[in-house]
């Protein structure tokens, strides 16, 4: 939680559960046009923007961008220094961590 609150993503942690409207989801899926990344509705085109997401979730969209790939010289050392344990070679090639390994080591 503190790591999400620091950049201002605290409100996202409050999202627990919501009711799905299956009819609405089905309708939106039918209206989605992947070639333009928009919804084509009776009233025209609708695009979901970053501002829309920010307003719905209460997230800040100003400040530095969090993206990209970083080069880590010793990923095993970094992984061990953060959670206190690191996977062996069969469990990860350090292009990512397997969820099964995370669950086995950090279930709670």
N, C-alpha and C. Protein backbone atom coordinates (compact mmCIF):
# COMPACT_ATOMS: atom_id res chain seq x y z
N UNK A 1 0.81 -1.19 0.00
CA UNK A 1 0.00 0.00 0.00
C UNK A 1 0.86 1.27 0.00
N UNK A 2 1.90 1.36 0.83
CA UNK A 2 2.68 2.59 0.82
C UNK A 2 3.33 2.88 -0.53
N UNK A 3 3.71 1.83 -1.25
CA UNK A 3 4.34 2.03 -2.55
C UNK A 3 3.35 2.56 -3.58
N UNK A 4 2.08 2.20 -3.44
CA UNK A 4 1.06 2.73 -4.34
C UNK A 4 0.63 4.13 -3.93
N UNK A 5 0.65 4.41 -2.64
CA UNK A 5 0.24 5.73 -2.17
C UNK A 5 1.28 6.79 -2.47
N UNK A 6 2.55 6.42 -2.47
CA UNK A 6 3.63 7.38 -2.71
C UNK A 6 3.47 8.12 -4.04
N UNK A 7 3.23 7.42 -5.18
CA UNK A 7 3.04 8.16 -6.44
C UNK A 7 1.61 8.67 -6.64
N UNK A 8 0.71 8.43 -5.66
CA UNK A 8 -0.65 8.94 -5.77
C UNK A 8 -1.66 7.93 -6.27
N UNK A 9 -1.32 6.63 -6.24
CA UNK A 9 -2.24 5.60 -6.70
C UNK A 9 -3.04 4.96 -5.57
N UNK A 10 -3.10 5.61 -4.43
CA UNK A 10 -3.82 5.09 -3.27
C UNK A 10 -5.27 4.74 -3.53
N UNK A 11 -6.04 5.59 -4.24
CA UNK A 11 -7.45 5.28 -4.47
C UNK A 11 -7.69 3.94 -5.17
N UNK A 12 -6.74 3.48 -5.97
CA UNK A 12 -6.92 2.21 -6.68
C UNK A 12 -6.97 1.05 -5.70
N UNK A 13 -6.28 1.17 -4.57
CA UNK A 13 -6.28 0.08 -3.59
C UNK A 13 -7.64 -0.08 -2.92
N UNK A 14 -8.49 0.94 -3.02
CA UNK A 14 -9.81 0.86 -2.42
C UNK A 14 -10.82 0.12 -3.29
N UNK A 15 -10.46 -0.13 -4.55
CA UNK A 15 -11.36 -0.85 -5.45
C UNK A 15 -11.30 -2.33 -5.08
N UNK A 16 -12.36 -2.83 -4.56
CA UNK A 16 -12.39 -4.22 -4.11
C UNK A 16 -13.22 -5.10 -5.06
N UNK A 17 -14.48 -4.79 -5.16
CA UNK A 17 -15.37 -5.63 -5.93
C UNK A 17 -16.48 -4.76 -6.51
N UNK A 18 -16.97 -5.15 -7.64
CA UNK A 18 -18.08 -4.43 -8.24
C UNK A 18 -18.92 -5.43 -9.00
N UNK A 19 -20.18 -5.09 -9.18
CA UNK A 19 -21.09 -5.95 -9.92
C UNK A 19 -20.84 -5.78 -11.42
N UNK A 20 -20.77 -6.88 -12.12
CA UNK A 20 -20.61 -6.83 -13.58
C UNK A 20 -21.98 -6.80 -14.23
N UNK A 21 -22.13 -5.92 -15.17
CA UNK A 21 -23.35 -5.85 -15.97
C UNK A 21 -23.05 -6.57 -17.27
N UNK A 22 -23.41 -7.84 -17.33
CA UNK A 22 -23.05 -8.67 -18.48
C UNK A 22 -23.67 -8.17 -19.78
N UNK A 23 -24.89 -7.63 -19.72
CA UNK A 23 -25.52 -7.10 -20.93
C UNK A 23 -24.74 -5.90 -21.46
N UNK A 24 -24.30 -5.03 -20.54
CA UNK A 24 -23.52 -3.86 -20.93
C UNK A 24 -22.17 -4.28 -21.53
N UNK A 25 -21.51 -5.24 -20.89
CA UNK A 25 -20.22 -5.71 -21.40
C UNK A 25 -20.39 -6.32 -22.78
N UNK A 26 -21.42 -7.13 -22.97
CA UNK A 26 -21.67 -7.74 -24.29
C UNK A 26 -21.91 -6.68 -25.36
N UNK A 27 -22.68 -5.67 -25.01
CA UNK A 27 -22.95 -4.59 -25.96
C UNK A 27 -21.69 -3.83 -26.31
N UNK A 28 -20.87 -3.53 -25.31
CA UNK A 28 -19.61 -2.82 -25.58
C UNK A 28 -18.66 -3.65 -26.42
N UNK A 29 -18.62 -4.95 -26.19
CA UNK A 29 -17.76 -5.82 -27.00
C UNK A 29 -18.20 -5.79 -28.46
N UNK A 30 -19.51 -5.79 -28.69
CA UNK A 30 -20.02 -5.74 -30.06
C UNK A 30 -19.72 -4.41 -30.74
N UNK A 31 -19.64 -3.33 -29.95
CA UNK A 31 -19.39 -1.99 -30.50
C UNK A 31 -17.92 -1.66 -30.66
N UNK A 32 -17.04 -2.49 -30.11
CA UNK A 32 -15.60 -2.20 -30.15
C UNK A 32 -15.02 -2.45 -31.54
N UNK A 33 -14.23 -1.50 -32.02
CA UNK A 33 -13.54 -1.63 -33.30
C UNK A 33 -12.04 -1.63 -33.04
N UNK A 34 -11.41 -2.80 -33.09
CA UNK A 34 -9.99 -2.90 -32.75
C UNK A 34 -9.08 -2.11 -33.69
N UNK A 35 -9.50 -1.93 -34.94
CA UNK A 35 -8.64 -1.21 -35.88
C UNK A 35 -8.50 0.27 -35.54
N UNK A 36 -9.49 0.84 -34.86
CA UNK A 36 -9.41 2.26 -34.48
C UNK A 36 -9.34 2.45 -32.96
N UNK A 37 -9.44 1.36 -32.20
CA UNK A 37 -9.43 1.42 -30.74
C UNK A 37 -10.51 2.35 -30.19
N UNK A 38 -11.71 2.25 -30.77
CA UNK A 38 -12.83 3.08 -30.33
C UNK A 38 -14.09 2.23 -30.24
N UNK A 39 -15.08 2.76 -29.53
CA UNK A 39 -16.41 2.17 -29.52
C UNK A 39 -17.24 2.92 -30.54
N UNK A 40 -17.95 2.19 -31.40
CA UNK A 40 -18.85 2.82 -32.37
C UNK A 40 -20.28 2.66 -31.84
N UNK A 41 -20.84 3.76 -31.35
CA UNK A 41 -22.16 3.75 -30.75
C UNK A 41 -23.14 4.47 -31.67
N UNK A 42 -24.43 4.40 -31.37
CA UNK A 42 -25.45 5.04 -32.19
C UNK A 42 -25.22 6.55 -32.29
N UNK A 43 -24.67 7.14 -31.23
CA UNK A 43 -24.46 8.59 -31.23
C UNK A 43 -23.12 8.99 -31.85
N UNK A 44 -22.32 8.02 -32.27
CA UNK A 44 -21.02 8.32 -32.88
C UNK A 44 -19.91 7.50 -32.27
N UNK A 45 -18.68 7.98 -32.43
CA UNK A 45 -17.52 7.28 -31.92
C UNK A 45 -17.23 7.69 -30.49
N UNK A 46 -16.74 6.76 -29.71
CA UNK A 46 -16.37 7.04 -28.33
C UNK A 46 -15.00 6.43 -28.07
N UNK A 47 -14.08 7.24 -27.60
CA UNK A 47 -12.73 6.78 -27.27
C UNK A 47 -12.51 6.94 -25.78
N UNK A 48 -12.01 5.90 -25.14
CA UNK A 48 -11.66 5.98 -23.72
C UNK A 48 -10.27 6.58 -23.64
N UNK A 49 -10.16 7.72 -22.97
CA UNK A 49 -8.89 8.43 -22.89
C UNK A 49 -8.25 8.25 -21.51
N UNK A 50 -7.01 8.66 -21.40
CA UNK A 50 -6.31 8.63 -20.13
C UNK A 50 -7.04 9.50 -19.10
N UNK A 51 -7.57 10.62 -19.55
CA UNK A 51 -8.33 11.50 -18.65
C UNK A 51 -9.58 10.79 -18.12
N UNK A 52 -10.26 10.01 -18.97
CA UNK A 52 -11.44 9.26 -18.53
C UNK A 52 -11.07 8.29 -17.40
N UNK A 53 -9.99 7.57 -17.60
CA UNK A 53 -9.54 6.60 -16.59
C UNK A 53 -9.16 7.33 -15.30
N UNK A 54 -8.45 8.44 -15.43
CA UNK A 54 -8.04 9.21 -14.26
C UNK A 54 -9.25 9.71 -13.47
N UNK A 55 -10.28 10.18 -14.16
CA UNK A 55 -11.47 10.67 -13.48
C UNK A 55 -12.23 9.54 -12.80
N UNK A 56 -12.34 8.39 -13.46
CA UNK A 56 -13.06 7.26 -12.88
C UNK A 56 -12.36 6.68 -11.67
N UNK A 57 -11.03 6.56 -11.74
CA UNK A 57 -10.27 5.93 -10.66
C UNK A 57 -9.67 6.91 -9.67
N UNK A 58 -9.76 8.20 -9.97
CA UNK A 58 -9.19 9.20 -9.08
C UNK A 58 -7.68 9.21 -9.07
N UNK A 59 -7.07 8.88 -10.20
CA UNK A 59 -5.61 8.81 -10.29
C UNK A 59 -5.04 10.12 -10.82
N UNK A 60 -3.87 10.50 -10.32
CA UNK A 60 -3.21 11.68 -10.87
C UNK A 60 -2.56 11.34 -12.21
N UNK A 61 -2.68 12.21 -13.18
CA UNK A 61 -2.05 11.94 -14.48
C UNK A 61 -1.00 12.98 -14.81
N UNK A 62 -0.57 13.73 -13.81
CA UNK A 62 0.51 14.67 -14.03
C UNK A 62 1.77 14.15 -13.33
N UNK A 63 2.90 14.64 -13.70
CA UNK A 63 4.15 14.18 -13.10
C UNK A 63 4.92 13.29 -14.05
N UNK A 64 5.89 12.59 -13.51
CA UNK A 64 6.77 11.75 -14.32
C UNK A 64 6.05 10.49 -14.78
N UNK A 65 6.42 10.02 -15.95
CA UNK A 65 5.87 8.79 -16.52
C UNK A 65 6.55 7.59 -15.89
N UNK A 66 5.77 6.56 -15.59
CA UNK A 66 6.33 5.32 -15.06
C UNK A 66 6.21 4.28 -16.17
N UNK A 67 7.31 4.07 -16.89
CA UNK A 67 7.30 3.14 -18.01
C UNK A 67 8.73 2.81 -18.39
N UNK A 68 8.86 1.89 -19.31
CA UNK A 68 10.19 1.59 -19.84
C UNK A 68 10.81 0.35 -19.24
N UNK A 69 11.96 0.04 -19.77
CA UNK A 69 12.72 -1.13 -19.34
C UNK A 69 14.04 -0.62 -18.79
N UNK A 70 14.42 -1.17 -17.67
CA UNK A 70 15.71 -0.77 -17.10
C UNK A 70 16.68 -1.95 -17.16
N UNK A 71 17.93 -1.64 -17.30
CA UNK A 71 18.97 -2.67 -17.31
C UNK A 71 19.48 -2.82 -15.88
N UNK A 72 19.35 -4.00 -15.35
CA UNK A 72 19.80 -4.28 -13.99
C UNK A 72 21.01 -5.20 -14.09
N UNK A 73 22.12 -4.76 -13.53
CA UNK A 73 23.37 -5.51 -13.66
C UNK A 73 23.29 -6.87 -12.97
N UNK A 74 22.78 -6.93 -11.76
CA UNK A 74 22.70 -8.19 -11.01
C UNK A 74 21.28 -8.39 -10.51
N UNK A 75 20.39 -8.94 -11.36
CA UNK A 75 18.98 -9.08 -10.97
C UNK A 75 18.78 -10.00 -9.77
N UNK A 76 19.62 -11.03 -9.62
CA UNK A 76 19.47 -11.94 -8.49
C UNK A 76 19.69 -11.20 -7.18
N UNK A 77 20.71 -10.36 -7.15
CA UNK A 77 21.02 -9.59 -5.95
C UNK A 77 19.90 -8.60 -5.63
N UNK A 78 19.39 -7.93 -6.65
CA UNK A 78 18.30 -6.98 -6.46
C UNK A 78 17.05 -7.69 -5.94
N UNK A 79 16.71 -8.81 -6.56
CA UNK A 79 15.52 -9.55 -6.15
C UNK A 79 15.66 -10.00 -4.70
N UNK A 80 16.83 -10.48 -4.31
CA UNK A 80 17.04 -10.93 -2.93
C UNK A 80 16.99 -9.76 -1.96
N UNK A 81 17.50 -8.60 -2.37
CA UNK A 81 17.53 -7.45 -1.46
C UNK A 81 16.14 -6.88 -1.18
N UNK A 82 15.20 -7.03 -2.11
CA UNK A 82 13.86 -6.48 -1.90
C UNK A 82 12.96 -7.42 -1.10
N UNK A 83 12.61 -8.62 -1.61
CA UNK A 83 11.74 -9.49 -0.82
C UNK A 83 12.49 -10.42 0.13
N UNK A 84 13.81 -10.53 0.02
CA UNK A 84 14.58 -11.38 0.92
C UNK A 84 14.81 -12.79 0.41
N UNK A 85 14.32 -13.08 -0.77
CA UNK A 85 14.52 -14.40 -1.38
C UNK A 85 14.51 -14.21 -2.88
N UNK A 86 15.23 -15.06 -3.60
CA UNK A 86 15.21 -14.96 -5.06
C UNK A 86 15.05 -16.35 -5.65
N UNK A 87 14.43 -16.44 -6.83
CA UNK A 87 14.20 -17.75 -7.45
C UNK A 87 15.49 -18.35 -7.99
N UNK A 88 15.49 -19.68 -8.10
CA UNK A 88 16.65 -20.33 -8.71
C UNK A 88 16.52 -20.27 -10.23
N UNK A 89 17.49 -20.80 -10.95
CA UNK A 89 17.51 -20.68 -12.41
C UNK A 89 16.33 -21.35 -13.10
N UNK A 90 15.81 -22.46 -12.52
CA UNK A 90 14.67 -23.13 -13.16
C UNK A 90 13.39 -22.32 -13.03
N UNK A 91 13.30 -21.50 -11.98
CA UNK A 91 12.07 -20.76 -11.72
C UNK A 91 12.00 -19.42 -12.44
N UNK A 92 13.14 -18.89 -12.87
CA UNK A 92 13.13 -17.61 -13.55
C UNK A 92 14.43 -17.39 -14.28
N UNK A 93 14.35 -16.75 -15.43
CA UNK A 93 15.54 -16.34 -16.16
C UNK A 93 15.70 -14.82 -16.04
N UNK A 94 14.99 -14.25 -15.08
CA UNK A 94 14.97 -12.83 -14.79
C UNK A 94 14.53 -11.97 -15.96
N UNK A 95 13.64 -12.53 -16.76
CA UNK A 95 12.88 -11.68 -17.67
C UNK A 95 11.53 -11.42 -17.01
N UNK A 96 11.31 -12.11 -15.91
CA UNK A 96 10.09 -11.96 -15.14
C UNK A 96 10.04 -13.03 -14.07
N UNK A 97 9.09 -12.89 -13.16
CA UNK A 97 8.93 -13.87 -12.10
C UNK A 97 7.64 -14.63 -12.33
N UNK A 98 7.66 -15.91 -12.06
CA UNK A 98 6.45 -16.72 -12.21
C UNK A 98 5.51 -16.48 -11.03
N UNK A 99 4.22 -16.40 -11.32
CA UNK A 99 3.25 -16.22 -10.26
C UNK A 99 3.26 -17.40 -9.29
N UNK A 100 3.49 -18.61 -9.81
CA UNK A 100 3.54 -19.78 -8.93
C UNK A 100 4.66 -19.64 -7.91
N UNK A 101 5.80 -19.07 -8.32
CA UNK A 101 6.91 -18.86 -7.38
C UNK A 101 6.54 -17.80 -6.36
N UNK A 102 5.92 -16.70 -6.82
CA UNK A 102 5.51 -15.65 -5.89
C UNK A 102 4.50 -16.18 -4.87
N UNK A 103 3.53 -16.97 -5.34
CA UNK A 103 2.51 -17.50 -4.44
C UNK A 103 3.12 -18.48 -3.44
N UNK A 104 4.04 -19.31 -3.90
CA UNK A 104 4.68 -20.28 -3.02
C UNK A 104 5.52 -19.59 -1.94
N UNK A 105 6.13 -18.47 -2.28
CA UNK A 105 7.02 -17.79 -1.33
C UNK A 105 6.36 -16.66 -0.55
N UNK A 106 5.28 -16.09 -1.10
CA UNK A 106 4.65 -14.93 -0.46
C UNK A 106 3.14 -15.06 -0.48
N UNK A 107 2.63 -16.22 -0.06
CA UNK A 107 1.19 -16.44 -0.11
C UNK A 107 0.41 -15.42 0.74
N UNK A 108 0.99 -15.01 1.82
CA UNK A 108 0.30 -14.05 2.69
C UNK A 108 0.94 -12.71 2.54
